[in-house]
Amino acid sequence: RETRGYTGDYLIGAYDKEKKQVTFRVAPLFTLNRSVKSLAHLSASATEHGAQDNMDYTRARRDLGEAFGNKKQKQAARNLDRMKVNTENMDGILEHVASGIDVSASDRKS
């Protein structure tokens, strides 16, 4: 899918101070995964349990903030709640958007 001379590849720009111009070069895509040797022995259930502990800690901290926090802390907690994204229906929405993009792309080719 080439649009206006751009193929969708990753580019690196090098600025030449003497000529005052930018030269773009195609760059390879590197996919990196992070792994921690000291945590490799942990099972998936232990990782999920750790995530649950973190949620419990966050909930307990929120409760303490509601009970003993000042106005600024309470407002920050309310803002965090307000800014959370509900991802339950995201799959259906993403499929709808992707199908719309495919339809648009097929219409342009003709």
PDB file of N, CA and C in Angstrom:
ATOM      1  N   ARG A   1       0.837  -1.188   0.000  1.00  0.00           N
ATOM      2  CA  ARG A   1       0.000   0.000   0.000  1.00  0.00           C
ATOM      3  C   ARG A   1       0.874   1.240   0.000  1.00  0.00           C
ATOM      4  N   GLU A   2       1.081   1.773  -1.137  1.00  0.00           N
ATOM      5  CA  GLU A   2       1.913   2.969  -1.220  1.00  0.00           C
ATOM      6  C   GLU A   2       1.027   4.184  -1.405  1.00  0.00           C
ATOM      7  N   THR A   3       1.162   5.119  -0.480  1.00  0.00           N
ATOM      8  CA  THR A   3       0.372   6.337  -0.532  1.00  0.00           C
ATOM      9  C   THR A   3       1.322   7.521  -0.579  1.00  0.00           C
ATOM     10  N   ARG A   4       1.230   8.288  -1.633  1.00  0.00           N
ATOM     11  CA  ARG A   4       2.054   9.494  -1.787  1.00  0.00           C
ATOM     12  C   ARG A   4       3.545   9.202  -1.633  1.00  0.00           C
ATOM     13  N   GLY A   5       3.983   8.079  -2.178  1.00  0.00           N
ATOM     14  CA  GLY A   5       5.402   7.751  -2.151  1.00  0.00           C
ATOM     15  C   GLY A   5       5.882   7.147  -0.854  1.00  0.00           C
ATOM     16  N   TYR A   6       5.011   6.857   0.079  1.00  0.00           N
ATOM     17  CA  TYR A   6       5.424   6.288   1.362  1.00  0.00           C
ATOM     18  C   TYR A   6       4.892   4.875   1.466  1.00  0.00           C
ATOM     19  N   THR A   7       5.768   3.911   1.662  1.00  0.00           N
ATOM     20  CA  THR A   7       5.387   2.496   1.663  1.00  0.00           C
ATOM     21  C   THR A   7       5.014   1.976   3.041  1.00  0.00           C
ATOM     22  N   GLY A   8       5.199   2.746   4.077  1.00  0.00           N
ATOM     23  CA  GLY A   8       4.878   2.291   5.426  1.00  0.00           C
ATOM     24  C   GLY A   8       6.086   1.730   6.152  1.00  0.00           C
ATOM     25  N   ASP A   9       7.272   1.807   5.549  1.00  0.00           N
ATOM     26  CA  ASP A   9       8.493   1.338   6.205  1.00  0.00           C
ATOM     27  C   ASP A   9       8.932   2.354   7.251  1.00  0.00           C
ATOM     28  N   TYR A  10       9.743   1.883   8.197  1.00  0.00           N
ATOM     29  CA  TYR A  10      10.316   2.783   9.187  1.00  0.00           C
ATOM     30  C   TYR A  10      11.490   3.512   8.554  1.00  0.00           C
ATOM     31  N   LEU A  11      11.592   4.800   8.840  1.00  0.00           N
ATOM     32  CA  LEU A  11      12.642   5.621   8.258  1.00  0.00           C
ATOM     33  C   LEU A  11      13.465   6.293   9.349  1.00  0.00           C
ATOM     34  N   ILE A  12      14.730   6.521   9.032  1.00  0.00           N
ATOM     35  CA  ILE A  12      15.608   7.291   9.905  1.00  0.00           C
ATOM     36  C   ILE A  12      16.038   8.520   9.120  1.00  0.00           C
ATOM     37  N   GLY A  13      15.929   9.678   9.735  1.00  0.00           N
ATOM     38  CA  GLY A  13      16.302  10.923   9.074  1.00  0.00           C
ATOM     39  C   GLY A  13      17.640  11.414   9.583  1.00  0.00           C
ATOM     40  N   ALA A  14      18.520  11.787   8.667  1.00  0.00           N
ATOM     41  CA  ALA A  14      19.827  12.356   9.019  1.00  0.00           C
ATOM     42  C   ALA A  14      19.867  13.788   8.491  1.00  0.00           C
ATOM     43  N   TYR A  15      20.133  14.725   9.379  1.00  0.00           N
ATOM     44  CA  TYR A  15      20.141  16.134   9.019  1.00  0.00           C
ATOM     45  C   TYR A  15      21.578  16.569   8.684  1.00  0.00           C
ATOM     46  N   ASP A  16      21.776  17.127   7.510  1.00  0.00           N
ATOM     47  CA  ASP A  16      23.072  17.638   7.081  1.00  0.00           C
ATOM     48  C   ASP A  16      23.076  19.147   7.330  1.00  0.00           C
ATOM     49  N   LYS A  17      23.912  19.589   8.277  1.00  0.00           N
ATOM     50  CA  LYS A  17      23.942  21.003   8.663  1.00  0.00           C
ATOM     51  C   LYS A  17      24.472  21.895   7.543  1.00  0.00           C
ATOM     52  N   GLU A  18      25.405  21.374   6.759  1.00  0.00           N
ATOM     53  CA  GLU A  18      25.983  22.185   5.690  1.00  0.00           C
ATOM     54  C   GLU A  18      24.980  22.437   4.572  1.00  0.00           C
ATOM     55  N   LYS A  19      24.287  21.391   4.143  1.00  0.00           N
ATOM     56  CA  LYS A  19      23.308  21.523   3.065  1.00  0.00           C
ATOM     57  C   LYS A  19      21.927  21.930   3.564  1.00  0.00           C
ATOM     58  N   LYS A  20      21.741  21.850   4.873  1.00  0.00           N
ATOM     59  CA  LYS A  20      20.472  22.169   5.516  1.00  0.00           C
ATOM     60  C   LYS A  20      19.320  21.361   4.910  1.00  0.00           C
ATOM     61  N   GLN A  21      19.528  20.050   4.861  1.00  0.00           N
ATOM     62  CA  GLN A  21      18.484  19.166   4.357  1.00  0.00           C
ATOM     63  C   GLN A  21      18.494  17.858   5.132  1.00  0.00           C
ATOM     64  N   VAL A  22      17.370  17.178   5.104  1.00  0.00           N
ATOM     65  CA  VAL A  22      17.208  15.906   5.796  1.00  0.00           C
ATOM     66  C   VAL A  22      17.172  14.797   4.758  1.00  0.00           C
ATOM     67  N   THR A  23      17.943  13.749   4.999  1.00  0.00           N
ATOM     68  CA  THR A  23      17.943  12.577   4.131  1.00  0.00           C
ATOM     69  C   THR A  23      17.329  11.421   4.901  1.00  0.00           C
ATOM     70  N   PHE A  24      16.307  10.785   4.311  1.00  0.00           N
ATOM     71  CA  PHE A  24      15.639   9.668   4.949  1.00  0.00           C
ATOM     72  C   PHE A  24      16.152   8.362   4.389  1.00  0.00           C
ATOM     73  N   ARG A  25      16.392   7.394   5.256  1.00  0.00           N
ATOM     74  CA  ARG A  25      16.828   6.054   4.869  1.00  0.00           C
ATOM     75  C   ARG A  25      15.888   5.040   5.496  1.00  0.00           C
ATOM     76  N   VAL A  26      15.597   3.976   4.758  1.00  0.00           N
ATOM     77  CA  VAL A  26      14.756   2.902   5.278  1.00  0.00           C
ATOM     78  C   VAL A  26      15.523   2.180   6.378  1.00  0.00           C
ATOM     79  N   ALA A  27      14.843   1.910   7.484  1.00  0.00           N
ATOM     80  CA  ALA A  27      15.475   1.246   8.622  1.00  0.00           C
ATOM     81  C   ALA A  27      14.744  -0.060   8.908  1.00  0.00           C
ATOM     82  N   PRO A  28      15.461  -1.078   9.327  1.00  0.00           N
ATOM     83  CA  PRO A  28      14.792  -2.341   9.654  1.00  0.00           C
ATOM     84  C   PRO A  28      14.016  -2.230  10.961  1.00  0.00           C
ATOM     85  N   LEU A  29      13.012  -3.063  11.092  1.00  0.00           N
ATOM     86  CA  LEU A  29      12.211  -3.091  12.309  1.00  0.00           C
ATOM     87  C   LEU A  29      12.760  -4.171  13.222  1.00  0.00           C
ATOM     88  N   PHE A  30      13.076  -3.806  14.441  1.00  0.00           N
ATOM     89  CA  PHE A  30      13.551  -4.755  15.429  1.00  0.00           C
ATOM     90  C   PHE A  30      12.477  -4.924  16.486  1.00  0.00           C
ATOM     91  N   THR A  31      12.063  -6.159  16.717  1.00  0.00           N
ATOM     92  CA  THR A  31      11.114  -6.455  17.775  1.00  0.00           C
ATOM     93  C   THR A  31      11.901  -6.982  18.962  1.00  0.00           C
ATOM     94  N   LEU A  32      11.786  -6.307  20.086  1.00  0.00           N
ATOM     95  CA  LEU A  32      12.544  -6.671  21.280  1.00  0.00           C
ATOM     96  C   LEU A  32      11.602  -7.161  22.360  1.00  0.00           C
ATOM     97  N   ASN A  33      12.037  -8.176  23.065  1.00  0.00           N
ATOM     98  CA  ASN A  33      11.303  -8.677  24.219  1.00  0.00           C
ATOM     99  C   ASN A  33      12.197  -8.573  25.433  1.00  0.00           C
ATOM    100  N   ARG A  34      11.631  -8.140  26.521  1.00  0.00           N
ATOM    101  CA  ARG A  34      12.391  -7.989  27.751  1.00  0.00           C
ATOM    102  C   ARG A  34      12.246  -9.264  28.569  1.00  0.00           C
ATOM    103  N   SER A  35      13.338  -9.762  29.099  1.00  0.00           N
ATOM    104  CA  SER A  35      13.272 -10.914  29.993  1.00  0.00           C
ATOM    105  C   SER A  35      14.224 -10.674  31.161  1.00  0.00           C
ATOM    106  N   VAL A  36      13.788 -11.080  32.334  1.00  0.00           N
ATOM    107  CA  VAL A  36      14.578 -10.914  33.548  1.00  0.00           C
ATOM    108  C   VAL A  36      14.955 -12.300  34.034  1.00  0.00           C
ATOM    109  N   LYS A  37      16.253 -12.602  34.047  1.00  0.00           N
ATOM    110  CA  LYS A  37      16.710 -13.942  34.402  1.00  0.00           C
ATOM    111  C   LYS A  37      16.272 -14.340  35.803  1.00  0.00           C
ATOM    112  N   SER A  38      16.327 -13.414  36.730  1.00  0.00           N
ATOM    113  CA  SER A  38      16.000 -13.750  38.108  1.00  0.00           C
ATOM    114  C   SER A  38      14.516 -14.051  38.297  1.00  0.00           C
ATOM    115  N   LEU A  39      13.671 -13.627  37.344  1.00  0.00           N
ATOM    116  CA  LEU A  39      12.236 -13.877  37.452  1.00  0.00           C
ATOM    117  C   LEU A  39      11.767 -14.983  36.513  1.00  0.00           C
ATOM    118  N   ALA A  40      12.683 -15.605  35.783  1.00  0.00           N
ATOM    119  CA  ALA A  40      12.310 -16.626  34.798  1.00  0.00           C
ATOM    120  C   ALA A  40      11.687 -17.855  35.455  1.00  0.00           C
ATOM    121  N   HIS A  41      12.020 -18.126  36.701  1.00  0.00           N
ATOM    122  CA  HIS A  41      11.496 -19.317  37.370  1.00  0.00           C
ATOM    123  C   HIS A  41      10.048 -19.151  37.830  1.00  0.00           C
ATOM    124  N   LEU A  42       9.537 -17.944  37.815  1.00  0.00           N
ATOM    125  CA  LEU A  42       8.166 -17.715  38.248  1.00  0.00           C
ATOM    126  C   LEU A  42       7.183 -18.259  37.220  1.00  0.00           C
ATOM    127  N   SER A  43       6.135 -18.852  37.704  1.00  0.00           N
ATOM    128  CA  SER A  43       5.115 -19.381  36.801  1.00  0.00           C
ATOM    129  C   SER A  43       4.131 -18.273  36.431  1.00  0.00           C
ATOM    130  N   ALA A  44       3.285 -18.546  35.467  1.00  0.00           N
ATOM    131  CA  ALA A  44       2.282 -17.569  35.053  1.00  0.00           C
ATOM    132  C   ALA A  44       1.310 -17.279  36.187  1.00  0.00           C
ATOM    133  N   SER A  45       0.968 -18.296  36.975  1.00  0.00           N
ATOM    134  CA  SER A  45       0.026 -18.070  38.073  1.00  0.00           C
ATOM    135  C   SER A  45       0.630 -17.146  39.127  1.00  0.00           C
ATOM    136  N   ALA A  46       1.945 -17.260  39.347  1.00  0.00           N
ATOM    137  CA  ALA A  46       2.594 -16.366  40.305  1.00  0.00           C
ATOM    138  C   ALA A  46       2.563 -14.930  39.791  1.00  0.00           C
ATOM    139  N   THR A  47       2.739 -14.759  38.493  1.00  0.00           N
ATOM    140  CA  THR A  47       2.694 -13.423  37.908  1.00  0.00           C
ATOM    141  C   THR A  47       1.289 -12.844  38.025  1.00  0.00           C
ATOM    142  N   GLU A  48       0.277 -13.671  37.745  1.00  0.00           N
ATOM    143  CA  GLU A  48      -1.103 -13.209  37.873  1.00  0.00           C
ATOM    144  C   GLU A  48      -1.419 -12.877  39.326  1.00  0.00           C
ATOM    145  N   HIS A  49      -0.895 -13.683  40.248  1.00  0.00           N
ATOM    146  CA  HIS A  49      -1.119 -13.422  41.671  1.00  0.00           C
ATOM    147  C   HIS A  49      -0.479 -12.094  42.067  1.00  0.00           C
ATOM    148  N   GLY A  50       0.704 -11.807  41.508  1.00  0.00           N
ATOM    149  CA  GLY A  50       1.367 -10.531  41.783  1.00  0.00           C
ATOM    150  C   GLY A  50       0.555  -9.356  41.265  1.00  0.00           C
ATOM    151  N   ALA A  51      -0.066  -9.530  40.108  1.00  0.00           N
ATOM    152  CA  ALA A  51      -0.917  -8.465  39.562  1.00  0.00           C
ATOM    153  C   ALA A  51      -2.116  -8.244  40.467  1.00  0.00           C
ATOM    154  N   GLN A  52      -2.676  -9.326  41.001  1.00  0.00           N
ATOM    155  CA  GLN A  52      -3.811  -9.210  41.921  1.00  0.00           C
ATOM    156  C   GLN A  52      -3.386  -8.491  43.202  1.00  0.00           C
ATOM    157  N   ASP A  53      -2.181  -8.809  43.709  1.00  0.00           N
ATOM    158  CA  ASP A  53      -1.668  -8.123  44.898  1.00  0.00           C
ATOM    159  C   ASP A  53      -1.526  -6.628  44.640  1.00  0.00           C
ATOM    160  N   ASN A  54      -1.062  -6.268  43.440  1.00  0.00           N
ATOM    161  CA  ASN A  54      -0.896  -4.862  43.086  1.00  0.00           C
ATOM    162  C   ASN A  54      -2.251  -4.161  43.059  1.00  0.00           C
ATOM    163  N   MET A  55      -3.277  -4.855  42.530  1.00  0.00           N
ATOM    164  CA  MET A  55      -4.611  -4.264  42.504  1.00  0.00           C
ATOM    165  C   MET A  55      -5.140  -4.084  43.927  1.00  0.00           C
ATOM    166  N   ASP A  56      -4.882  -5.059  44.804  1.00  0.00           N
ATOM    167  CA  ASP A  56      -5.310  -4.938  46.197  1.00  0.00           C
ATOM    168  C   ASP A  56      -4.611  -3.758  46.871  1.00  0.00           C
ATOM    169  N   TYR A  57      -3.314  -3.602  46.593  1.00  0.00           N
ATOM    170  CA  TYR A  57      -2.560  -2.498  47.167  1.00  0.00           C
ATOM    171  C   TYR A  57      -3.132  -1.160  46.691  1.00  0.00           C
ATOM    172  N   THR A  58      -3.428  -1.082  45.402  1.00  0.00           N
ATOM    173  CA  THR A  58      -3.981   0.150  44.848  1.00  0.00           C
ATOM    174  C   THR A  58      -5.334   0.456  45.473  1.00  0.00           C
ATOM    175  N   ARG A  59      -6.154  -0.567  45.625  1.00  0.00           N
ATOM    176  CA  ARG A  59      -7.479  -0.375  46.228  1.00  0.00           C
ATOM    177  C   ARG A  59      -7.348   0.079  47.688  1.00  0.00           C
ATOM    178  N   ALA A  60      -6.433  -0.535  48.431  1.00  0.00           N
ATOM    179  CA  ALA A  60      -6.244  -0.153  49.830  1.00  0.00           C
ATOM    180  C   ALA A  60      -5.726   1.277  49.938  1.00  0.00           C
ATOM    181  N   ARG A  61      -4.815   1.638  49.044  1.00  0.00           N
ATOM    182  CA  ARG A  61      -4.279   2.995  49.063  1.00  0.00           C
ATOM    183  C   ARG A  61      -5.375   4.008  48.732  1.00  0.00           C
ATOM    184  N   ARG A  62      -6.240   3.647  47.774  1.00  0.00           N
ATOM    185  CA  ARG A  62      -7.358   4.520  47.405  1.00  0.00           C
ATOM    186  C   ARG A  62      -8.288   4.712  48.606  1.00  0.00           C
ATOM    187  N   ASP A  63      -8.590   3.621  49.315  1.00  0.00           N
ATOM    188  CA  ASP A  63      -9.472   3.718  50.478  1.00  0.00           C
ATOM    189  C   ASP A  63      -8.876   4.608  51.559  1.00  0.00           C
ATOM    190  N   LEU A  64      -7.572   4.482  51.793  1.00  0.00           N
ATOM    191  CA  LEU A  64      -6.918   5.344  52.777  1.00  0.00           C
ATOM    192  C   LEU A  64      -6.959   6.807  52.341  1.00  0.00           C
ATOM    193  N   GLY A  65      -6.761   7.027  51.045  1.00  0.00           N
ATOM    194  CA  GLY A  65      -6.812   8.390  50.528  1.00  0.00           C
ATOM    195  C   GLY A  65      -8.192   9.004  50.696  1.00  0.00           C
ATOM    196  N   GLU A  66      -9.235   8.194  50.469  1.00  0.00           N
ATOM    197  CA  GLU A  66     -10.608   8.686  50.652  1.00  0.00           C
ATOM    198  C   GLU A  66     -10.881   9.004  52.119  1.00  0.00           C
ATOM    199  N   ALA A  67     -10.311   8.202  53.023  1.00  0.00           N
ATOM    200  CA  ALA A  67     -10.580   8.395  54.446  1.00  0.00           C
ATOM    201  C   ALA A  67      -9.760   9.538  55.038  1.00  0.00           C
ATOM    202  N   PHE A  68      -8.475   9.614  54.670  1.00  0.00           N
ATOM    203  CA  PHE A  68      -7.586  10.548  55.353  1.00  0.00           C
ATOM    204  C   PHE A  68      -6.904  11.559  54.433  1.00  0.00           C
ATOM    205  N   GLY A  69      -7.132  11.497  53.136  1.00  0.00           N
ATOM    206  CA  GLY A  69      -6.421  12.359  52.203  1.00  0.00           C
ATOM    207  C   GLY A  69      -6.971  13.772  52.156  1.00  0.00           C
ATOM    208  N   ASN A  70      -6.165  14.659  51.606  1.00  0.00           N
ATOM    209  CA  ASN A  70      -6.620  16.031  51.436  1.00  0.00           C
ATOM    210  C   ASN A  70      -7.399  16.157  50.127  1.00  0.00           C
ATOM    211  N   LYS A  71      -7.902  17.341  49.854  1.00  0.00           N
ATOM    212  CA  LYS A  71      -8.735  17.553  48.664  1.00  0.00           C
ATOM    213  C   LYS A  71      -7.986  17.237  47.373  1.00  0.00           C
ATOM    214  N   LYS A  72      -6.716  17.608  47.334  1.00  0.00           N
ATOM    215  CA  LYS A  72      -5.923  17.399  46.127  1.00  0.00           C
ATOM    216  C   LYS A  72      -5.758  15.904  45.839  1.00  0.00           C
ATOM    217  N   GLN A  73      -5.496  15.101  46.864  1.00  0.00           N
ATOM    218  CA  GLN A  73      -5.342  13.659  46.689  1.00  0.00           C
ATOM    219  C   GLN A  73      -6.661  13.014  46.275  1.00  0.00           C
ATOM    220  N   LYS A  74      -7.754  13.452  46.880  1.00  0.00           N
ATOM    221  CA  LYS A  74      -9.060  12.897  46.532  1.00  0.00           C
ATOM    222  C   LYS A  74      -9.423  13.237  45.091  1.00  0.00           C
ATOM    223  N   GLN A  75      -9.126  14.459  44.662  1.00  0.00           N
ATOM    224  CA  GLN A  75      -9.417  14.861  43.288  1.00  0.00           C
ATOM    225  C   GLN A  75      -8.571  14.060  42.303  1.00  0.00           C
ATOM    226  N   ALA A  76      -7.302  13.809  42.656  1.00  0.00           N
ATOM    227  CA  ALA A  76      -6.430  13.017  41.788  1.00  0.00           C
ATOM    228  C   ALA A  76      -6.971  11.598  41.629  1.00  0.00           C
ATOM    229  N   ALA A  77      -7.471  11.018  42.717  1.00  0.00           N
ATOM    230  CA  ALA A  77      -8.048   9.674  42.662  1.00  0.00           C
ATOM    231  C   ALA A  77      -9.299   9.660  41.786  1.00  0.00           C
ATOM    232  N   ARG A  78     -10.137  10.672  41.918  1.00  0.00           N
ATOM    233  CA  ARG A  78     -11.345  10.748  41.085  1.00  0.00           C
ATOM    234  C   ARG A  78     -10.978  10.915  39.607  1.00  0.00           C
ATOM    235  N   ASN A  79      -9.940  11.707  39.335  1.00  0.00           N
ATOM    236  CA  ASN A  79      -9.489  11.892  37.954  1.00  0.00           C
ATOM    237  C   ASN A  79      -8.979  10.586  37.360  1.00  0.00           C
ATOM    238  N   LEU A  80      -8.251   9.787  38.154  1.00  0.00           N
ATOM    239  CA  LEU A  80      -7.787   8.487  37.672  1.00  0.00           C
ATOM    240  C   LEU A  80      -8.961   7.592  37.310  1.00  0.00           C
ATOM    241  N   ASP A  81      -9.985   7.583  38.157  1.00  0.00           N
ATOM    242  CA  ASP A  81     -11.176   6.771  37.871  1.00  0.00           C
ATOM    243  C   ASP A  81     -11.865   7.252  36.604  1.00  0.00           C
ATOM    244  N   ARG A  82     -11.938   8.547  36.442  1.00  0.00           N
ATOM    245  CA  ARG A  82     -12.625   9.124  35.289  1.00  0.00           C
ATOM    246  C   ARG A  82     -11.881   8.838  33.991  1.00  0.00           C
ATOM    247  N   MET A  83     -10.560   8.776  34.054  1.00  0.00           N
ATOM    248  CA  MET A  83      -9.752   8.604  32.848  1.00  0.00           C
ATOM    249  C   MET A  83      -9.547   7.142  32.452  1.00  0.00           C
ATOM    250  N   LYS A  84     -10.019   6.197  33.251  1.00  0.00           N
ATOM    251  CA  LYS A  84      -9.848   4.785  32.913  1.00  0.00           C
ATOM    252  C   LYS A  84     -10.644   4.451  31.664  1.00  0.00           C
ATOM    253  N   VAL A  85     -10.075   3.573  30.834  1.00  0.00           N
ATOM    254  CA  VAL A  85     -10.711   3.166  29.588  1.00  0.00           C
ATOM    255  C   VAL A  85     -11.307   1.784  29.777  1.00  0.00           C
ATOM    256  N   ASN A  86     -12.577   1.644  29.414  1.00  0.00           N
ATOM    257  CA  ASN A  86     -13.238   0.347  29.482  1.00  0.00           C
ATOM    258  C   ASN A  86     -12.890  -0.421  28.213  1.00  0.00           C
ATOM    259  N   THR A  87     -12.129  -1.505  28.366  1.00  0.00           N
ATOM    260  CA  THR A  87     -11.657  -2.255  27.202  1.00  0.00           C
ATOM    261  C   THR A  87     -12.498  -3.489  26.907  1.00  0.00           C
ATOM    262  N   GLU A  88     -13.624  -3.650  27.576  1.00  0.00           N
ATOM    263  CA  GLU A  88     -14.437  -4.852  27.379  1.00  0.00           C
ATOM    264  C   GLU A  88     -14.976  -4.944  25.957  1.00  0.00           C
ATOM    265  N   ASN A  89     -15.373  -3.839  25.374  1.00  0.00           N
ATOM    266  CA  ASN A  89     -15.981  -3.857  24.046  1.00  0.00           C
ATOM    267  C   ASN A  89     -15.003  -3.478  22.945  1.00  0.00           C
ATOM    268  N   MET A  90     -13.717  -3.394  23.258  1.00  0.00           N
ATOM    269  CA  MET A  90     -12.727  -2.945  22.278  1.00  0.00           C
ATOM    270  C   MET A  90     -12.600  -3.889  21.085  1.00  0.00           C
ATOM    271  N   ASP A  91     -12.707  -5.212  21.293  1.00  0.00           N
ATOM    272  CA  ASP A  91     -12.522  -6.151  20.188  1.00  0.00           C
ATOM    273  C   ASP A  91     -13.526  -5.900  19.078  1.00  0.00           C
ATOM    274  N   GLY A  92     -14.778  -5.721  19.439  1.00  0.00           N
ATOM    275  CA  GLY A  92     -15.804  -5.460  18.435  1.00  0.00           C
ATOM    276  C   GLY A  92     -15.570  -4.154  17.711  1.00  0.00           C
ATOM    277  N   ILE A  93     -15.149  -3.136  18.442  1.00  0.00           N
ATOM    278  CA  ILE A  93     -14.900  -1.832  17.843  1.00  0.00           C
ATOM    279  C   ILE A  93     -13.707  -1.905  16.893  1.00  0.00           C
ATOM    280  N   LEU A  94     -12.639  -2.584  17.322  1.00  0.00           N
ATOM    281  CA  LEU A  94     -11.453  -2.692  16.477  1.00  0.00           C
ATOM    282  C   LEU A  94     -11.756  -3.462  15.191  1.00  0.00           C
ATOM    283  N   GLU A  95     -12.561  -4.524  15.286  1.00  0.00           N
ATOM    284  CA  GLU A  95     -12.944  -5.264  14.087  1.00  0.00           C
ATOM    285  C   GLU A  95     -13.748  -4.369  13.146  1.00  0.00           C
ATOM    286  N   HIS A  96     -14.649  -3.569  13.705  1.00  0.00           N
ATOM    287  CA  HIS A  96     -15.451  -2.664  12.896  1.00  0.00           C
ATOM    288  C   HIS A  96     -14.568  -1.624  12.190  1.00  0.00           C
ATOM    289  N   VAL A  97     -13.609  -1.066  12.915  1.00  0.00           N
ATOM    290  CA  VAL A  97     -12.707  -0.074  12.335  1.00  0.00           C
ATOM    291  C   VAL A  97     -11.847  -0.720  11.248  1.00  0.00           C
ATOM    292  N   ALA A  98     -11.332  -1.921  11.525  1.00  0.00           N
ATOM    293  CA  ALA A  98     -10.484  -2.598  10.540  1.00  0.00           C
ATOM    294  C   ALA A  98     -11.269  -2.921   9.274  1.00  0.00           C
ATOM    295  N   SER A  99     -12.505  -3.362   9.412  1.00  0.00           N
ATOM    296  CA  SER A  99     -13.304  -3.661   8.219  1.00  0.00           C
ATOM    297  C   SER A  99     -13.601  -2.376   7.449  1.00  0.00           C
ATOM    298  N   GLY A 100     -13.823  -1.283   8.155  1.00  0.00           N
ATOM    299  CA  GLY A 100     -14.035   0.003   7.488  1.00  0.00           C
ATOM    300  C   GLY A 100     -12.810   0.455   6.719  1.00  0.00           C
ATOM    301  N   ILE A 101     -11.641   0.213   7.272  1.00  0.00           N
ATOM    302  CA  ILE A 101     -10.391   0.573   6.586  1.00  0.00           C
ATOM    303  C   ILE A 101     -10.231  -0.284   5.342  1.00  0.00           C
ATOM    304  N   ASP A 102     -10.524  -1.584   5.455  1.00  0.00           N
ATOM    305  CA  ASP A 102     -10.418  -2.470   4.294  1.00  0.00           C
ATOM    306  C   ASP A 102     -11.371  -2.041   3.186  1.00  0.00           C
ATOM    307  N   VAL A 103     -12.586  -1.673   3.556  1.00  0.00           N
ATOM    308  CA  VAL A 103     -13.558  -1.219   2.557  1.00  0.00           C
ATOM    309  C   VAL A 103     -13.078   0.058   1.882  1.00  0.00           C
ATOM    310  N   SER A 104     -12.563   0.994   2.672  1.00  0.00           N
ATOM    311  CA  SER A 104     -12.053   2.249   2.117  1.00  0.00           C
ATOM    312  C   SER A 104     -10.877   2.000   1.183  1.00  0.00           C
ATOM    313  N   ALA A 105      -9.998   1.093   1.585  1.00  0.00           N
ATOM    314  CA  ALA A 105      -8.832   0.793   0.758  1.00  0.00           C
ATOM    315  C   ALA A 105      -9.242   0.140  -0.559  1.00  0.00           C
ATOM    316  N   SER A 106     -10.226  -0.736  -0.511  1.00  0.00           N
ATOM    317  CA  SER A 106     -10.677  -1.397  -1.746  1.00  0.00           C
ATOM    318  C   SER A 106     -11.396  -0.400  -2.654  1.00  0.00           C
ATOM    319  N   ASP A 107     -12.106   0.564  -2.085  1.00  0.00           N
ATOM    320  CA  ASP A 107     -12.766   1.581  -2.890  1.00  0.00           C
ATOM    321  C   ASP A 107     -11.781   2.486  -3.596  1.00  0.00           C
ATOM    322  N   ARG A 108     -10.646   2.781  -2.986  1.00  0.00           N
ATOM    323  CA  ARG A 108      -9.641   3.660  -3.577  1.00  0.00           C
ATOM    324  C   ARG A 108      -8.956   3.016  -4.767  1.00  0.00           C
ATOM    325  N   LYS A 109      -8.761   1.696  -4.704  1.00  0.00           N
ATOM    326  CA  LYS A 109      -8.038   1.021  -5.779  1.00  0.00           C
ATOM    327  C   LYS A 109      -8.812   1.070  -7.084  1.00  0.00           C
ATOM    328  N   SER A 110     -10.127   1.095  -7.009  1.00  0.00           N
ATOM    329  CA  SER A 110     -10.919   1.055  -8.241  1.00  0.00           C
ATOM    330  C   SER A 110     -11.113   2.392  -8.878  1.00  0.00           C
TER     331      SER A 110
END
